[in-house]
Amino acid sequence: MVLPELELAMVEQLVNSEVFTWIDIHISKADTEQFKQLMIDGLDFHPKTVEDCLEPTTHLQAKMDEEQEYKFISFLYYEGNPRDKLYVRELNMYFSRTYVITVHTHNIENFLQMFRKPPRHIVEYRERAVLFLHHIIDMLTDSYTATLRQIQSYTDELEFEVFDAKRPRLQANPFSRKRDSSTDMKFILRSRQSLVMMRRTLSSESSLLNQIIREYNYDGAPESSEEIAIYFSDIRDHVLNYLEIIESEDRSLNHVMEVHSLITGYQTNEKLYILTIMSTLMLPLTLITGFWGMNFDNLWLSGSPLGLYGVVGLMAMVTVSLIVFFRSRNWI
């Protein structure tokens, strides 16, 4: 429910009841004071956790704070296209034996549709709150799959294209090859930045999941508690798998970046090589034309009717001599 529709008395009754309750709160800037009144004065939640709900995360790390009667969890996920920009999203959760309260400042309608379709085991077991918490975290964790798949797909394309000298150009821009090269490098750097962000977040989420698993999987724990630990262990395995994919993609992008730099440097050197040869051939010709272009009457061949042909012949002879010399040294 959106915050203005929540009634304090109804929320207190639901939270304090023995019936499992899930309350989703979407906060807007205009609802800040009402939200503080509900969470601090009405439900007696710690003010620091309420501040965490209102302030966007900057450290990119998930966390869990334990109070006497509830736990506060901040879980992160990412939205957007890694080719353009990834957006960090934070979902805050208050969790107890009988309720789960999710708090967010952005629209999560896509996730809400999945949250409303919980697996059957949540209904069958008594510990519905913790299993519903597992359901939420599982959905958020699975969202990494699409992002990593996009990075993998474009990285694979880039690995093939970076070796392809016949990359298609945009006909509207004669410098499209240069722009393509710049676009590739921008994507590589942006993708590596995204991978660093996700690695930091997933590492903290792995630690958070280990903390939850240890709480339910201990010596002498009942069978139902151990089964809950198994559910969260499955999410942790997914997180560890994502971390391995990130490490692999980071190595691939680093390799592509090195090869891209080598090829770009080789192409630049090749162009400079051609321009150097052309400049070397033109230098003596410029000297000759500059010498006979002086405004003096007593220059050699200046009064001869065959002077023009003699100078042109000299220029041709110098050019041929330079080409023969370069070929003898295997420079061209």
C-alpha atoms as a PDB file:
ATOM      1  CA  MET A   1       0.000   0.000   0.000  1.00  0.00           C
ATOM      2  CA  VAL A   2       1.136   3.548  -0.564  1.00  0.00           C
ATOM      3  CA  LEU A   3       1.841   5.397   2.630  1.00  0.00           C
ATOM      4  CA  PRO A   4      -1.147   7.797   2.705  1.00  0.00           C
ATOM      5  CA  GLU A   5      -3.521   4.806   2.570  1.00  0.00           C
ATOM      6  CA  LEU A   6      -2.065   3.158   5.679  1.00  0.00           C
ATOM      7  CA  GLU A   7      -3.895   3.668   8.931  1.00  0.00           C
ATOM      8  CA  LEU A   8      -1.724   3.576  12.024  1.00  0.00           C
ATOM      9  CA  ALA A   9      -4.197   1.597  14.123  1.00  0.00           C
ATOM     10  CA  MET A  10      -4.659  -1.011  11.393  1.00  0.00           C
ATOM     11  CA  VAL A  11      -0.892  -1.413  10.905  1.00  0.00           C
ATOM     12  CA  GLU A  12      -0.287  -1.817  14.646  1.00  0.00           C
ATOM     13  CA  GLN A  13      -3.027  -4.422  14.833  1.00  0.00           C
ATOM     14  CA  LEU A  14      -1.597  -6.413  11.932  1.00  0.00           C
ATOM     15  CA  VAL A  15       1.970  -6.256  13.195  1.00  0.00           C
ATOM     16  CA  ASN A  16       1.027  -7.332  16.705  1.00  0.00           C
ATOM     17  CA  SER A  17      -1.265 -10.151  15.582  1.00  0.00           C
ATOM     18  CA  GLU A  18      -0.266 -13.822  15.277  1.00  0.00           C
ATOM     19  CA  VAL A  19      -1.356 -13.917  11.645  1.00  0.00           C
ATOM     20  CA  PHE A  20       1.389 -13.614   9.044  1.00  0.00           C
ATOM     21  CA  THR A  21       1.289 -10.137   7.480  1.00  0.00           C
ATOM     22  CA  TRP A  22       3.140  -8.541   4.592  1.00  0.00           C
ATOM     23  CA  ILE A  23       2.983  -4.760   4.287  1.00  0.00           C
ATOM     24  CA  ASP A  24       4.633  -2.949   1.393  1.00  0.00           C
ATOM     25  CA  ILE A  25       5.236   0.791   1.812  1.00  0.00           C
ATOM     26  CA  HIS A  26       6.173   3.087  -1.065  1.00  0.00           C
ATOM     27  CA  ILE A  27       7.561   6.368   0.282  1.00  0.00           C
ATOM     28  CA  SER A  28       7.445   9.631  -1.618  1.00  0.00           C
ATOM     29  CA  LYS A  29       9.161  12.858  -0.577  1.00  0.00           C
ATOM     30  CA  ALA A  30       5.857  14.229   0.742  1.00  0.00           C
ATOM     31  CA  ASP A  31       5.369  11.222   3.037  1.00  0.00           C
ATOM     32  CA  THR A  32       8.593  11.530   5.053  1.00  0.00           C
ATOM     33  CA  GLU A  33       7.097  12.863   8.285  1.00  0.00           C
ATOM     34  CA  GLN A  34       4.126  10.520   8.142  1.00  0.00           C
ATOM     35  CA  PHE A  35       6.476   7.586   7.597  1.00  0.00           C
ATOM     36  CA  LYS A  36       8.618   8.564  10.599  1.00  0.00           C
ATOM     37  CA  GLN A  37       5.514   8.868  12.767  1.00  0.00           C
ATOM     38  CA  LEU A  38       4.290   5.441  11.680  1.00  0.00           C
ATOM     39  CA  MET A  39       7.600   3.584  12.063  1.00  0.00           C
ATOM     40  CA  ILE A  40       9.077   5.311  15.135  1.00  0.00           C
ATOM     41  CA  ASP A  41       6.079   6.388  17.199  1.00  0.00           C
ATOM     42  CA  GLY A  42       3.576   3.743  16.122  1.00  0.00           C
ATOM     43  CA  LEU A  43       5.664   0.592  15.597  1.00  0.00           C
ATOM     44  CA  ASP A  44       8.645   1.518  17.809  1.00  0.00           C
ATOM     45  CA  PHE A  45      11.308   0.804  15.177  1.00  0.00           C
ATOM     46  CA  HIS A  46      14.792   2.192  15.708  1.00  0.00           C
ATOM     47  CA  PRO A  47      15.223   5.726  14.279  1.00  0.00           C
ATOM     48  CA  LYS A  48      18.488   4.775  12.526  1.00  0.00           C
ATOM     49  CA  THR A  49      16.737   2.083  10.515  1.00  0.00           C
ATOM     50  CA  VAL A  50      14.057   4.594   9.540  1.00  0.00           C
ATOM     51  CA  GLU A  51      16.758   6.997   8.347  1.00  0.00           C
ATOM     52  CA  ASP A  52      18.270   4.184   6.268  1.00  0.00           C
ATOM     53  CA  CYS A  53      14.900   3.735   4.574  1.00  0.00           C
ATOM     54  CA  LEU A  54      14.720   7.421   3.665  1.00  0.00           C
ATOM     55  CA  GLU A  55      18.326   7.966   2.544  1.00  0.00           C
ATOM     56  CA  PRO A  56      19.611   6.298  -0.644  1.00  0.00           C
ATOM     57  CA  THR A  57      22.543   3.970  -0.220  1.00  0.00           C
ATOM     58  CA  THR A  58      26.048   5.171  -1.124  1.00  0.00           C
ATOM     59  CA  HIS A  59      28.206   2.286   0.117  1.00  0.00           C
ATOM     60  CA  LEU A  60      26.650  -0.363  -2.207  1.00  0.00           C
ATOM     61  CA  GLN A  61      26.594  -2.960   0.564  1.00  0.00           C
ATOM     62  CA  ALA A  62      23.744  -4.970   1.983  1.00  0.00           C
ATOM     63  CA  LYS A  63      23.399  -5.157   5.748  1.00  0.00           C
ATOM     64  CA  MET A  64      21.313  -6.632   8.545  1.00  0.00           C
ATOM     65  CA  ASP A  65      20.687  -5.014  11.946  1.00  0.00           C
ATOM     66  CA  GLU A  66      19.232  -7.114  14.760  1.00  0.00           C
ATOM     67  CA  GLU A  67      16.934  -5.702  17.405  1.00  0.00           C
ATOM     68  CA  GLN A  68      15.170  -7.532  20.204  1.00  0.00           C
ATOM     69  CA  GLU A  69      11.919  -8.302  18.400  1.00  0.00           C
ATOM     70  CA  TYR A  70      12.785  -7.790  14.734  1.00  0.00           C
ATOM     71  CA  LYS A  71      15.557  -7.626  12.152  1.00  0.00           C
ATOM     72  CA  PHE A  72      16.195  -4.850   9.651  1.00  0.00           C
ATOM     73  CA  ILE A  73      17.645  -5.856   6.273  1.00  0.00           C
ATOM     74  CA  SER A  74      18.819  -3.606   3.452  1.00  0.00           C
ATOM     75  CA  PHE A  75      19.123  -5.549   0.210  1.00  0.00           C
ATOM     76  CA  LEU A  76      20.398  -4.127  -3.081  1.00  0.00           C
ATOM     77  CA  TYR A  77      19.771  -4.968  -6.711  1.00  0.00           C
ATOM     78  CA  TYR A  78      20.372  -3.281 -10.066  1.00  0.00           C
ATOM     79  CA  GLU A  79      18.172  -2.044 -12.879  1.00  0.00           C
ATOM     80  CA  GLY A  80      18.927  -0.608 -16.295  1.00  0.00           C
ATOM     81  CA  ASN A  81      21.001  -1.521 -19.311  1.00  0.00           C
ATOM     82  CA  PRO A  82      24.725  -2.063 -18.641  1.00  0.00           C
ATOM     83  CA  ARG A  83      25.467  -0.612 -22.090  1.00  0.00           C
ATOM     84  CA  ASP A  84      24.055   2.710 -20.898  1.00  0.00           C
ATOM     85  CA  LYS A  85      23.787   2.945 -17.121  1.00  0.00           C
ATOM     86  CA  LEU A  86      22.959   0.731 -14.160  1.00  0.00           C
ATOM     87  CA  TYR A  87      20.829   2.069 -11.332  1.00  0.00           C
ATOM     88  CA  VAL A  88      21.303   0.879  -7.758  1.00  0.00           C
ATOM     89  CA  ARG A  89      18.024   0.013  -6.073  1.00  0.00           C
ATOM     90  CA  GLU A  90      17.545  -0.617  -2.371  1.00  0.00           C
ATOM     91  CA  LEU A  91      14.754  -2.580  -0.738  1.00  0.00           C
ATOM     92  CA  ASN A  92      14.534  -2.307   3.052  1.00  0.00           C
ATOM     93  CA  MET A  93      12.787  -5.024   5.026  1.00  0.00           C
ATOM     94  CA  TYR A  94      11.598  -5.269   8.615  1.00  0.00           C
ATOM     95  CA  PHE A  95      11.299  -8.920   9.515  1.00  0.00           C
ATOM     96  CA  SER A  96       9.906 -10.686  12.555  1.00  0.00           C
ATOM     97  CA  ARG A  97       8.238 -13.984  13.400  1.00  0.00           C
ATOM     98  CA  THR A  98       4.836 -12.935  12.084  1.00  0.00           C
ATOM     99  CA  TYR A  99       5.378 -10.082   9.629  1.00  0.00           C
ATOM    100  CA  VAL A 100       7.489  -8.720   6.800  1.00  0.00           C
ATOM    101  CA  ILE A 101       7.415  -4.992   6.010  1.00  0.00           C
ATOM    102  CA  THR A 102       9.067  -3.893   2.781  1.00  0.00           C
ATOM    103  CA  VAL A 103       9.962  -0.217   2.343  1.00  0.00           C
ATOM    104  CA  HIS A 104      11.196   1.461  -0.835  1.00  0.00           C
ATOM    105  CA  THR A 105      11.406   4.915  -2.396  1.00  0.00           C
ATOM    106  CA  HIS A 106      11.213   3.754  -6.036  1.00  0.00           C
ATOM    107  CA  ASN A 107       8.655   1.851  -8.064  1.00  0.00           C
ATOM    108  CA  ILE A 108       8.984  -1.944  -7.785  1.00  0.00           C
ATOM    109  CA  GLU A 109       5.770  -2.933  -9.521  1.00  0.00           C
ATOM    110  CA  ASN A 110       7.492  -5.690 -11.522  1.00  0.00           C
ATOM    111  CA  PHE A 111       8.782  -7.288  -8.346  1.00  0.00           C
ATOM    112  CA  LEU A 112       5.491  -6.802  -6.510  1.00  0.00           C
ATOM    113  CA  GLN A 113       3.760  -8.958  -9.101  1.00  0.00           C
ATOM    114  CA  MET A 114       6.226 -11.761  -8.373  1.00  0.00           C
ATOM    115  CA  PHE A 115       6.061 -11.231  -4.611  1.00  0.00           C
ATOM    116  CA  ARG A 116       2.302 -11.754  -4.753  1.00  0.00           C
ATOM    117  CA  LYS A 117       2.839 -15.230  -6.209  1.00  0.00           C
ATOM    118  CA  PRO A 118       4.790 -16.986  -3.458  1.00  0.00           C
ATOM    119  CA  PRO A 119       5.784 -20.659  -3.753  1.00  0.00           C
ATOM    120  CA  ARG A 120       3.543 -23.263  -2.191  1.00  0.00           C
ATOM    121  CA  HIS A 121       5.919 -24.087   0.669  1.00  0.00           C
ATOM    122  CA  ILE A 122       5.326 -20.646   2.208  1.00  0.00           C
ATOM    123  CA  VAL A 123       1.701 -21.579   2.817  1.00  0.00           C
ATOM    124  CA  GLU A 124       2.461 -25.105   4.032  1.00  0.00           C
ATOM    125  CA  TYR A 125       5.029 -24.218   6.711  1.00  0.00           C
ATOM    126  CA  ARG A 126       4.433 -22.417   9.976  1.00  0.00           C
ATOM    127  CA  GLU A 127       7.462 -20.142   9.566  1.00  0.00           C
ATOM    128  CA  ARG A 128       5.768 -18.181   6.841  1.00  0.00           C
ATOM    129  CA  ALA A 129       7.480 -14.855   7.559  1.00  0.00           C
ATOM    130  CA  VAL A 130      11.045 -16.113   7.122  1.00  0.00           C
ATOM    131  CA  LEU A 131      10.075 -18.143   4.059  1.00  0.00           C
ATOM    132  CA  PHE A 132       8.394 -15.116   2.523  1.00  0.00           C
ATOM    133  CA  LEU A 133      11.578 -13.168   3.270  1.00  0.00           C
ATOM    134  CA  HIS A 134      13.442 -15.906   1.403  1.00  0.00           C
ATOM    135  CA  HIS A 135      11.004 -15.519  -1.489  1.00  0.00           C
ATOM    136  CA  ILE A 136      11.671 -11.762  -1.709  1.00  0.00           C
ATOM    137  CA  ILE A 137      15.465 -12.090  -1.506  1.00  0.00           C
ATOM    138  CA  ASP A 138      15.371 -14.910  -4.059  1.00  0.00           C
ATOM    139  CA  MET A 139      13.481 -12.713  -6.545  1.00  0.00           C
ATOM    140  CA  LEU A 140      15.876  -9.802  -6.017  1.00  0.00           C
ATOM    141  CA  THR A 141      18.916 -12.042  -6.420  1.00  0.00           C
ATOM    142  CA  ASP A 142      17.591 -13.585  -9.632  1.00  0.00           C
ATOM    143  CA  SER A 143      17.438 -10.090 -11.156  1.00  0.00           C
ATOM    144  CA  TYR A 144      21.241 -10.180 -11.468  1.00  0.00           C
ATOM    145  CA  THR A 145      20.918 -12.906 -14.108  1.00  0.00           C
ATOM    146  CA  ALA A 146      19.546 -10.615 -16.821  1.00  0.00           C
ATOM    147  CA  THR A 147      22.168  -7.920 -16.174  1.00  0.00           C
ATOM    148  CA  LEU A 148      25.095 -10.339 -16.236  1.00  0.00           C
ATOM    149  CA  ARG A 149      23.700 -12.043 -19.328  1.00  0.00           C
ATOM    150  CA  GLN A 150      23.628  -8.717 -21.174  1.00  0.00           C
ATOM    151  CA  ILE A 151      27.246  -8.034 -20.238  1.00  0.00           C
ATOM    152  CA  GLN A 152      28.264 -11.556 -21.298  1.00  0.00           C
ATOM    153  CA  SER A 153      26.452 -11.257 -24.623  1.00  0.00           C
ATOM    154  CA  TYR A 154      27.994  -7.950 -25.615  1.00  0.00           C
ATOM    155  CA  THR A 155      31.433  -8.993 -24.353  1.00  0.00           C
ATOM    156  CA  ASP A 156      31.287 -12.057 -26.624  1.00  0.00           C
ATOM    157  CA  GLU A 157      30.286  -9.848 -29.569  1.00  0.00           C
ATOM    158  CA  LEU A 158      33.094  -7.451 -28.782  1.00  0.00           C
ATOM    159  CA  GLU A 159      35.682 -10.240 -28.620  1.00  0.00           C
ATOM    160  CA  PHE A 160      34.830 -11.213 -32.202  1.00  0.00           C
ATOM    161  CA  GLU A 161      34.470  -7.679 -33.533  1.00  0.00           C
ATOM    162  CA  VAL A 162      37.699  -6.385 -32.039  1.00  0.00           C
ATOM    163  CA  PHE A 163      39.631  -8.758 -34.351  1.00  0.00           C
ATOM    164  CA  ASP A 164      37.496  -7.936 -37.375  1.00  0.00           C
ATOM    165  CA  ALA A 165      39.161  -5.329 -39.587  1.00  0.00           C
ATOM    166  CA  LYS A 166      36.061  -5.151 -41.797  1.00  0.00           C
ATOM    167  CA  ARG A 167      33.760  -3.811 -39.135  1.00  0.00           C
ATOM    168  CA  PRO A 168      30.789  -2.041 -40.816  1.00  0.00           C
ATOM    169  CA  ARG A 169      31.002   1.739 -40.759  1.00  0.00           C
ATOM    170  CA  LEU A 170      28.292   4.358 -40.586  1.00  0.00           C
ATOM    171  CA  GLN A 171      28.218   5.879 -44.040  1.00  0.00           C
ATOM    172  CA  ALA A 172      27.023   9.245 -42.724  1.00  0.00           C
ATOM    173  CA  ASN A 173      30.271   9.840 -40.852  1.00  0.00           C
ATOM    174  CA  PRO A 174      33.650   9.395 -42.574  1.00  0.00           C
ATOM    175  CA  PHE A 175      35.273   9.037 -39.138  1.00  0.00           C
ATOM    176  CA  SER A 176      32.877   6.293 -38.004  1.00  0.00           C
ATOM    177  CA  ARG A 177      35.713   3.807 -37.429  1.00  0.00           C
ATOM    178  CA  LYS A 178      37.240   6.122 -34.880  1.00  0.00           C
ATOM    179  CA  ARG A 179      33.857   6.596 -33.226  1.00  0.00           C
ATOM    180  CA  ASP A 180      33.242   2.824 -33.137  1.00  0.00           C
ATOM    181  CA  SER A 181      36.581   2.325 -31.396  1.00  0.00           C
ATOM    182  CA  SER A 182      35.733   4.968 -28.818  1.00  0.00           C
ATOM    183  CA  THR A 183      32.289   3.428 -28.256  1.00  0.00           C
ATOM    184  CA  ASP A 184      33.843   0.012 -27.650  1.00  0.00           C
ATOM    185  CA  MET A 185      36.266   1.402 -25.087  1.00  0.00           C
ATOM    186  CA  LYS A 186      33.500   3.319 -23.319  1.00  0.00           C
ATOM    187  CA  PHE A 187      31.437   0.142 -23.058  1.00  0.00           C
ATOM    188  CA  ILE A 188      34.388  -1.825 -21.698  1.00  0.00           C
ATOM    189  CA  LEU A 189      35.092   0.773 -19.020  1.00  0.00           C
ATOM    190  CA  ARG A 190      31.406   1.138 -18.151  1.00  0.00           C
ATOM    191  CA  SER A 191      30.972  -2.636 -17.920  1.00  0.00           C
ATOM    192  CA  ARG A 192      34.012  -3.028 -15.685  1.00  0.00           C
ATOM    193  CA  GLN A 193      32.656  -0.307 -13.419  1.00  0.00           C
ATOM    194  CA  SER A 194      29.310  -2.136 -13.273  1.00  0.00           C
ATOM    195  CA  LEU A 195      31.055  -5.404 -12.438  1.00  0.00           C
ATOM    196  CA  VAL A 196      33.006  -3.746  -9.610  1.00  0.00           C
ATOM    197  CA  MET A 197      29.772  -2.343  -8.183  1.00  0.00           C
ATOM    198  CA  MET A 198      27.979  -5.689  -8.393  1.00  0.00           C
ATOM    199  CA  ARG A 199      30.948  -7.555  -6.936  1.00  0.00           C
ATOM    200  CA  ARG A 200      30.971  -5.293  -3.896  1.00  0.00           C
ATOM    201  CA  THR A 201      27.216  -5.661  -3.433  1.00  0.00           C
ATOM    202  CA  LEU A 202      27.103  -9.426  -3.944  1.00  0.00           C
ATOM    203  CA  SER A 203      30.010  -9.980  -1.542  1.00  0.00           C
ATOM    204  CA  SER A 204      28.119  -8.166   1.211  1.00  0.00           C
ATOM    205  CA  GLU A 205      24.926 -10.069   0.361  1.00  0.00           C
ATOM    206  CA  SER A 206      26.794 -13.356   0.590  1.00  0.00           C
ATOM    207  CA  SER A 207      27.938 -12.390   4.093  1.00  0.00           C
ATOM    208  CA  LEU A 208      24.370 -11.418   5.012  1.00  0.00           C
ATOM    209  CA  LEU A 209      23.031 -14.767   3.800  1.00  0.00           C
ATOM    210  CA  ASN A 210      25.739 -16.622   5.739  1.00  0.00           C
ATOM    211  CA  GLN A 211      24.625 -14.738   8.828  1.00  0.00           C
ATOM    212  CA  ILE A 212      21.021 -15.867   8.317  1.00  0.00           C
ATOM    213  CA  ILE A 213      22.100 -19.457   7.607  1.00  0.00           C
ATOM    214  CA  ARG A 214      24.160 -19.643  10.807  1.00  0.00           C
ATOM    215  CA  GLU A 215      21.159 -18.424  12.775  1.00  0.00           C
ATOM    216  CA  TYR A 216      19.008 -21.344  11.587  1.00  0.00           C
ATOM    217  CA  ASN A 217      21.649 -24.045  11.108  1.00  0.00           C
ATOM    218  CA  TYR A 218      23.307 -24.798  14.442  1.00  0.00           C
ATOM    219  CA  ASP A 219      24.042 -27.867  16.545  1.00  0.00           C
ATOM    220  CA  GLY A 220      20.810 -29.353  17.784  1.00  0.00           C
ATOM    221  CA  ALA A 221      18.628 -27.206  15.498  1.00  0.00           C
ATOM    222  CA  PRO A 222      15.159 -28.655  14.756  1.00  0.00           C
ATOM    223  CA  GLU A 223      14.481 -30.108  11.338  1.00  0.00           C
ATOM    224  CA  SER A 224      12.263 -27.181  10.308  1.00  0.00           C
ATOM    225  CA  SER A 225      15.039 -24.724  11.147  1.00  0.00           C
ATOM    226  CA  GLU A 226      17.599 -26.690   9.149  1.00  0.00           C
ATOM    227  CA  GLU A 227      15.238 -26.716   6.182  1.00  0.00           C
ATOM    228  CA  ILE A 228      14.991 -22.922   6.300  1.00  0.00           C
ATOM    229  CA  ALA A 229      18.785 -22.790   6.270  1.00  0.00           C
ATOM    230  CA  ILE A 230      18.766 -24.959   3.143  1.00  0.00           C
ATOM    231  CA  TYR A 231      16.500 -22.461   1.362  1.00  0.00           C
ATOM    232  CA  PHE A 232      18.846 -19.563   2.111  1.00  0.00           C
ATOM    233  CA  SER A 233      21.866 -21.720   1.225  1.00  0.00           C
ATOM    234  CA  ASP A 234      20.392 -22.063  -2.252  1.00  0.00           C
ATOM    235  CA  ILE A 235      20.332 -18.254  -2.645  1.00  0.00           C
ATOM    236  CA  ARG A 236      23.889 -18.028  -1.330  1.00  0.00           C
ATOM    237  CA  ASP A 237      25.002 -20.572  -3.948  1.00  0.00           C
ATOM    238  CA  HIS A 238      23.444 -18.387  -6.633  1.00  0.00           C
ATOM    239  CA  VAL A 239      25.273 -15.354  -5.262  1.00  0.00           C
ATOM    240  CA  LEU A 240      28.593 -17.215  -5.263  1.00  0.00           C
ATOM    241  CA  ASN A 241      27.903 -18.311  -8.834  1.00  0.00           C
ATOM    242  CA  TYR A 242      27.279 -14.675  -9.822  1.00  0.00           C
ATOM    243  CA  LEU A 243      30.580 -13.688  -8.207  1.00  0.00           C
ATOM    244  CA  GLU A 244      32.387 -16.324 -10.281  1.00  0.00           C
ATOM    245  CA  ILE A 245      30.705 -15.032 -13.439  1.00  0.00           C
ATOM    246  CA  ILE A 246      31.738 -11.482 -12.538  1.00  0.00           C
ATOM    247  CA  GLU A 247      35.349 -12.555 -12.046  1.00  0.00           C
ATOM    248  CA  SER A 248      35.302 -14.365 -15.390  1.00  0.00           C
ATOM    249  CA  GLU A 249      33.722 -11.420 -17.213  1.00  0.00           C
ATOM    250  CA  ASP A 250      36.166  -9.003 -15.622  1.00  0.00           C
ATOM    251  CA  ARG A 251      39.081 -11.077 -16.918  1.00  0.00           C
ATOM    252  CA  SER A 252      37.470 -11.271 -20.366  1.00  0.00           C
ATOM    253  CA  LEU A 253      36.892  -7.522 -20.501  1.00  0.00           C
ATOM    254  CA  ASN A 254      40.441  -6.884 -19.339  1.00  0.00           C
ATOM    255  CA  HIS A 255      41.735  -9.157 -22.116  1.00  0.00           C
ATOM    256  CA  VAL A 256      39.503  -7.463 -24.708  1.00  0.00           C
ATOM    257  CA  MET A 257      40.667  -4.047 -23.528  1.00  0.00           C
ATOM    258  CA  GLU A 258      44.328  -5.057 -23.880  1.00  0.00           C
ATOM    259  CA  VAL A 259      43.776  -6.511 -27.359  1.00  0.00           C
ATOM    260  CA  HIS A 260      41.701  -3.478 -28.336  1.00  0.00           C
ATOM    261  CA  SER A 261      44.516  -1.166 -27.227  1.00  0.00           C
ATOM    262  CA  LEU A 262      47.110  -3.230 -29.105  1.00  0.00           C
ATOM    263  CA  ILE A 263      45.089  -3.247 -32.321  1.00  0.00           C
ATOM    264  CA  THR A 264      44.315   0.461 -32.044  1.00  0.00           C
ATOM    265  CA  GLY A 265      47.999   1.194 -31.431  1.00  0.00           C
ATOM    266  CA  TYR A 266      49.003  -0.984 -34.372  1.00  0.00           C
ATOM    267  CA  GLN A 267      46.550   0.792 -36.678  1.00  0.00           C
ATOM    268  CA  THR A 268      47.837   4.157 -35.485  1.00  0.00           C
ATOM    269  CA  ASN A 269      51.449   3.140 -36.064  1.00  0.00           C
ATOM    270  CA  GLU A 270      50.532   1.832 -39.519  1.00  0.00           C
ATOM    271  CA  LYS A 271      49.001   5.170 -40.447  1.00  0.00           C
ATOM    272  CA  LEU A 272      51.979   7.073 -39.063  1.00  0.00           C
ATOM    273  CA  TYR A 273      54.301   4.754 -41.017  1.00  0.00           C
ATOM    274  CA  ILE A 274      52.557   5.557 -44.305  1.00  0.00           C
ATOM    275  CA  LEU A 275      52.485   9.272 -43.540  1.00  0.00           C
ATOM    276  CA  THR A 276      56.199   9.191 -42.655  1.00  0.00           C
ATOM    277  CA  ILE A 277      57.093   7.524 -45.972  1.00  0.00           C
ATOM    278  CA  MET A 278      55.030  10.095 -47.867  1.00  0.00           C
ATOM    279  CA  SER A 279      56.633  12.969 -45.951  1.00  0.00           C
ATOM    280  CA  THR A 280      60.128  11.599 -46.584  1.00  0.00           C
ATOM    281  CA  LEU A 281      59.465  11.343 -50.311  1.00  0.00           C
ATOM    282  CA  MET A 282      57.999  14.845 -50.472  1.00  0.00           C
ATOM    283  CA  LEU A 283      60.761  16.523 -48.445  1.00  0.00           C
ATOM    284  CA  PRO A 284      63.479  16.591 -51.211  1.00  0.00           C
ATOM    285  CA  LEU A 285      60.851  17.547 -53.793  1.00  0.00           C
ATOM    286  CA  THR A 286      59.842  20.489 -51.642  1.00  0.00           C
ATOM    287  CA  LEU A 287      63.498  21.477 -51.332  1.00  0.00           C
ATOM    288  CA  ILE A 288      63.995  21.362 -55.116  1.00  0.00           C
ATOM    289  CA  THR A 289      60.860  23.342 -55.930  1.00  0.00           C
ATOM    290  CA  GLY A 290      61.730  25.848 -53.208  1.00  0.00           C
ATOM    291  CA  PHE A 291      65.246  26.297 -54.556  1.00  0.00           C
ATOM    292  CA  TRP A 292      64.155  26.918 -58.193  1.00  0.00           C
ATOM    293  CA  GLY A 293      61.220  28.960 -56.985  1.00  0.00           C
ATOM    294  CA  MET A 294      63.491  31.774 -55.738  1.00  0.00           C
ATOM    295  CA  ASN A 295      63.223  35.111 -57.501  1.00  0.00           C
ATOM    296  CA  PHE A 296      66.748  35.265 -58.960  1.00  0.00           C
ATOM    297  CA  ASP A 297      67.721  35.534 -62.616  1.00  0.00           C
ATOM    298  CA  ASN A 298      70.994  33.655 -62.446  1.00  0.00           C
ATOM    299  CA  LEU A 299      69.686  30.288 -61.203  1.00  0.00           C
ATOM    300  CA  TRP A 300      70.903  27.184 -62.985  1.00  0.00           C
ATOM    301  CA  LEU A 301      68.735  26.293 -65.955  1.00  0.00           C
ATOM    302  CA  SER A 302      66.593  29.396 -65.347  1.00  0.00           C
ATOM    303  CA  GLY A 303      67.246  30.722 -68.840  1.00  0.00           C
ATOM    304  CA  SER A 304      67.242  27.393 -70.633  1.00  0.00           C
ATOM    305  CA  PRO A 305      64.166  26.288 -72.615  1.00  0.00           C
ATOM    306  CA  LEU A 306      64.752  22.772 -71.277  1.00  0.00           C
ATOM    307  CA  GLY A 307      65.125  23.942 -67.652  1.00  0.00           C
ATOM    308  CA  LEU A 308      61.634  22.806 -66.629  1.00  0.00           C
ATOM    309  CA  TYR A 309      62.249  19.315 -67.985  1.00  0.00           C
ATOM    310  CA  GLY A 310      65.601  19.151 -66.239  1.00  0.00           C
ATOM    311  CA  VAL A 311      64.130  20.057 -62.839  1.00  0.00           C
ATOM    312  CA  VAL A 312      61.255  17.604 -63.283  1.00  0.00           C
ATOM    313  CA  GLY A 313      63.738  14.910 -64.246  1.00  0.00           C
ATOM    314  CA  LEU A 314      65.830  15.684 -61.186  1.00  0.00           C
ATOM    315  CA  MET A 315      62.757  15.388 -58.981  1.00  0.00           C
ATOM    316  CA  ALA A 316      61.813  12.061 -60.571  1.00  0.00           C
ATOM    317  CA  MET A 317      65.373  10.760 -60.171  1.00  0.00           C
ATOM    318  CA  VAL A 318      65.457  11.705 -56.469  1.00  0.00           C
ATOM    319  CA  THR A 319      62.074  10.079 -55.853  1.00  0.00           C
ATOM    320  CA  VAL A 320      63.060   6.835 -57.595  1.00  0.00           C
ATOM    321  CA  SER A 321      66.397   6.785 -55.757  1.00  0.00           C
ATOM    322  CA  LEU A 322      64.652   7.133 -52.386  1.00  0.00           C
ATOM    323  CA  ILE A 323      62.181   4.360 -53.224  1.00  0.00           C
ATOM    324  CA  VAL A 324      65.013   2.039 -54.290  1.00  0.00           C
ATOM    325  CA  PHE A 325      66.926   2.862 -51.109  1.00  0.00           C
ATOM    326  CA  PHE A 326      63.860   2.173 -48.902  1.00  0.00           C
ATOM    327  CA  ARG A 327      63.236  -1.112 -50.674  1.00  0.00           C
ATOM    328  CA  SER A 328      66.875  -2.175 -50.256  1.00  0.00           C
ATOM    329  CA  ARG A 329      66.545  -1.634 -46.503  1.00  0.00           C
ATOM    330  CA  ASN A 330      63.135  -3.389 -46.374  1.00  0.00           C
ATOM    331  CA  TRP A 331      61.469  -0.274 -45.057  1.00  0.00           C
ATOM    332  CA  ILE A 332      58.673  -0.501 -47.598  1.00  0.00           C
END
